[in-house]
C-alpha cells in the first residue's frame, strides 16, 4: 500500500444550472468549510448536505441559509422532501474518482487540473443530450 498524504476536496453544485465549484482544503472542519460556503453560496439559499458534523454550523451563519441534510445511515433521499438528497454532488464525485483511478493516483501538483474533469464531463453530456433528436 502506498503511503501518500490524503488530499481533501470540497465541492458544491448548484441545482438547475449544475454549476460546480471544487477546491482543495487542508481540513474538513467547520472552521475551513463554513467560510467557503459563505464565499460561494448566495444568502438565503437552500443548502442540502449530508450529515457531516462540520455542516452543523450552517444554521448559525448570518446569511440565513435554509439548511437541510440527509443522514445516509437512514436514507439517501428524504422521504418527506424529495429535494433533500446529495445525488448531484455524489455523481460529480464519482466522475472525478473514476477519471483518477485510471492513473492510480496523481501528483499533488496536478490536483487542481483534475478537478475540472467533472465539470467538463457534465458540460459535454449536456451538449450531447441537447443535440439528440429523441428522448
Protein backbone atom coordinates (compact mmCIF):
# COMPACT_ATOMS: atom_id res chain seq x y z
CA UNK A 1 0.00 0.00 0.00
CA UNK A 2 1.29 3.43 -0.89
CA UNK A 3 1.82 5.89 1.89
CA UNK A 4 0.55 9.18 0.46
CA UNK A 5 -0.82 12.27 2.05
CA UNK A 6 -4.60 12.44 1.70
CA UNK A 7 -5.98 15.36 -0.25
CA UNK A 8 -9.40 16.69 0.70
CA UNK A 9 -11.63 18.28 -1.94
CA UNK A 10 -14.70 20.31 -1.00
CA UNK A 11 -17.36 20.59 -3.66
CA UNK A 12 -20.61 22.39 -4.30
CA UNK A 13 -23.11 22.03 -7.11
CA UNK A 14 -25.96 24.39 -7.98
CA UNK A 15 -29.12 22.57 -8.90
CA UNK A 16 -30.78 23.82 -12.02
CA UNK A 17 -27.56 25.01 -13.63
CA UNK A 18 -25.28 22.15 -12.50
CA UNK A 19 -22.52 24.71 -11.96
CA UNK A 20 -19.78 23.02 -9.93
CA UNK A 21 -17.15 24.52 -7.64
CA UNK A 22 -14.38 22.34 -6.21
CA UNK A 23 -11.45 23.35 -4.09
CA UNK A 24 -8.70 21.62 -2.20
CA UNK A 25 -9.00 22.14 1.55
CA UNK A 26 -6.47 21.44 4.30
CA UNK A 27 -9.13 20.15 6.73
CA UNK A 28 -12.79 19.08 6.67
CA UNK A 29 -13.81 21.02 9.76
CA UNK A 30 -16.33 23.81 10.22
CA UNK A 31 -13.61 26.47 10.51
CA UNK A 32 -12.47 25.55 6.99
CA UNK A 33 -15.75 24.70 5.24
CA UNK A 34 -18.20 27.31 6.54
CA UNK A 35 -16.22 30.32 5.21
CA UNK A 36 -16.12 28.61 1.79
CA UNK A 37 -19.88 28.19 1.87
CA UNK A 38 -20.26 31.87 2.73
CA UNK A 39 -17.92 32.80 -0.11
CA UNK A 40 -19.60 30.68 -2.79
CA UNK A 41 -23.29 30.45 -1.83
CA UNK A 42 -25.79 33.32 -2.03
CA UNK A 43 -27.51 34.31 1.23
CA UNK A 44 -30.95 32.73 1.72
CA UNK A 45 -30.10 29.71 -0.45
CA UNK A 46 -31.36 26.21 0.33
CA UNK A 47 -28.27 24.16 1.15
CA UNK A 48 -28.59 20.39 1.08
CA UNK A 49 -25.75 18.35 2.55
CA UNK A 50 -25.02 15.06 4.16
CA UNK A 51 -24.82 14.85 7.93
CA UNK A 52 -21.09 15.67 8.20
CA UNK A 53 -20.65 17.36 11.59
CA UNK A 54 -18.85 20.40 10.14
CA UNK A 55 -22.05 21.41 8.32
CA UNK A 56 -23.97 21.67 11.59
CA UNK A 57 -22.92 25.33 11.91
CA UNK A 58 -24.60 26.38 8.65
CA UNK A 59 -27.80 27.23 10.51
CA UNK A 60 -25.84 29.66 12.71
CA UNK A 61 -24.38 31.69 9.84
CA UNK A 62 -25.70 35.22 9.30
CA UNK A 63 -26.53 34.55 5.64
CA UNK A 64 -29.87 32.97 6.65
CA UNK A 65 -29.32 29.75 4.71
CA UNK A 66 -32.06 27.12 4.72
CA UNK A 67 -30.04 24.01 5.59
CA UNK A 68 -31.44 20.53 5.12
CA UNK A 69 -29.41 17.36 5.37
CA UNK A 70 -29.63 13.66 4.68
CA UNK A 71 -28.45 11.04 7.13
CA UNK A 72 -27.06 8.39 4.79
CA UNK A 73 -27.35 5.76 7.53
CA UNK A 74 -31.14 6.19 7.29
CA UNK A 75 -31.81 7.13 3.65
CA UNK A 76 -30.33 8.81 0.59
CA UNK A 77 -33.38 10.92 -0.23
CA UNK A 78 -35.56 12.44 2.47
CA UNK A 79 -38.93 10.68 2.10
CA UNK A 80 -40.77 13.82 3.27
CA UNK A 81 -38.98 16.20 0.86
CA UNK A 82 -37.54 14.81 -2.41
CA UNK A 83 -35.38 17.95 -2.84
CA UNK A 84 -33.28 16.80 0.10
CA UNK A 85 -30.65 14.50 -1.39
CA UNK A 86 -26.97 14.61 -2.31
CA UNK A 87 -27.23 12.64 -5.57
CA UNK A 88 -25.99 15.53 -7.76
CA UNK A 89 -22.72 16.11 -5.94
CA UNK A 90 -22.25 12.37 -5.37
CA UNK A 91 -22.40 11.72 -9.14
CA UNK A 92 -19.90 14.54 -9.64
CA UNK A 93 -17.53 12.88 -7.13
CA UNK A 94 -18.00 9.57 -8.93
CA UNK A 95 -16.98 11.17 -12.25
CA UNK A 96 -13.84 12.65 -10.68
CA UNK A 97 -12.84 9.45 -8.87
CA UNK A 98 -13.47 7.30 -11.95
CA UNK A 99 -11.28 9.54 -14.08
CA UNK A 100 -8.47 9.46 -11.48
CA UNK A 101 -8.49 5.70 -10.91
CA UNK A 102 -7.05 5.09 -14.37
CA UNK A 103 -3.90 6.95 -13.28
CA UNK A 104 -3.50 5.12 -9.94
CA UNK A 105 -3.37 8.49 -8.24
CA UNK A 106 -1.91 11.77 -9.42
CA UNK A 107 0.81 14.11 -8.20
CA UNK A 108 -0.38 16.73 -5.75
CA UNK A 109 0.68 19.44 -8.21
CA UNK A 110 -1.96 18.14 -10.69
CA UNK A 111 -4.96 18.08 -8.34
CA UNK A 112 -6.28 21.48 -9.41
CA UNK A 113 -6.24 20.49 -13.08
CA UNK A 114 -8.10 17.22 -12.48
CA UNK A 115 -10.85 18.95 -10.50
CA UNK A 116 -12.07 20.36 -13.82
CA UNK A 117 -12.81 16.88 -15.22
CA UNK A 118 -16.33 16.53 -13.72
CA UNK A 119 -17.22 20.00 -14.98
CA UNK A 120 -16.04 19.05 -18.48
CA UNK A 121 -17.88 15.71 -18.41
CA UNK A 122 -21.12 17.33 -17.23
CA UNK A 123 -20.93 20.05 -19.89
CA UNK A 124 -20.16 17.54 -22.63
CA UNK A 125 -23.06 15.30 -21.58
CA UNK A 126 -25.48 18.25 -21.53
CA UNK A 127 -24.41 19.26 -25.05
CA UNK A 128 -24.84 15.72 -26.33
CA UNK A 129 -28.28 15.39 -24.72
CA UNK A 130 -29.48 18.70 -26.16
CA UNK A 131 -28.47 17.59 -29.68
CA UNK A 132 -30.36 14.30 -29.53
CA UNK A 133 -33.40 14.16 -31.82
CA UNK A 134 -35.31 11.87 -29.46
CA UNK A 135 -35.66 11.16 -25.77
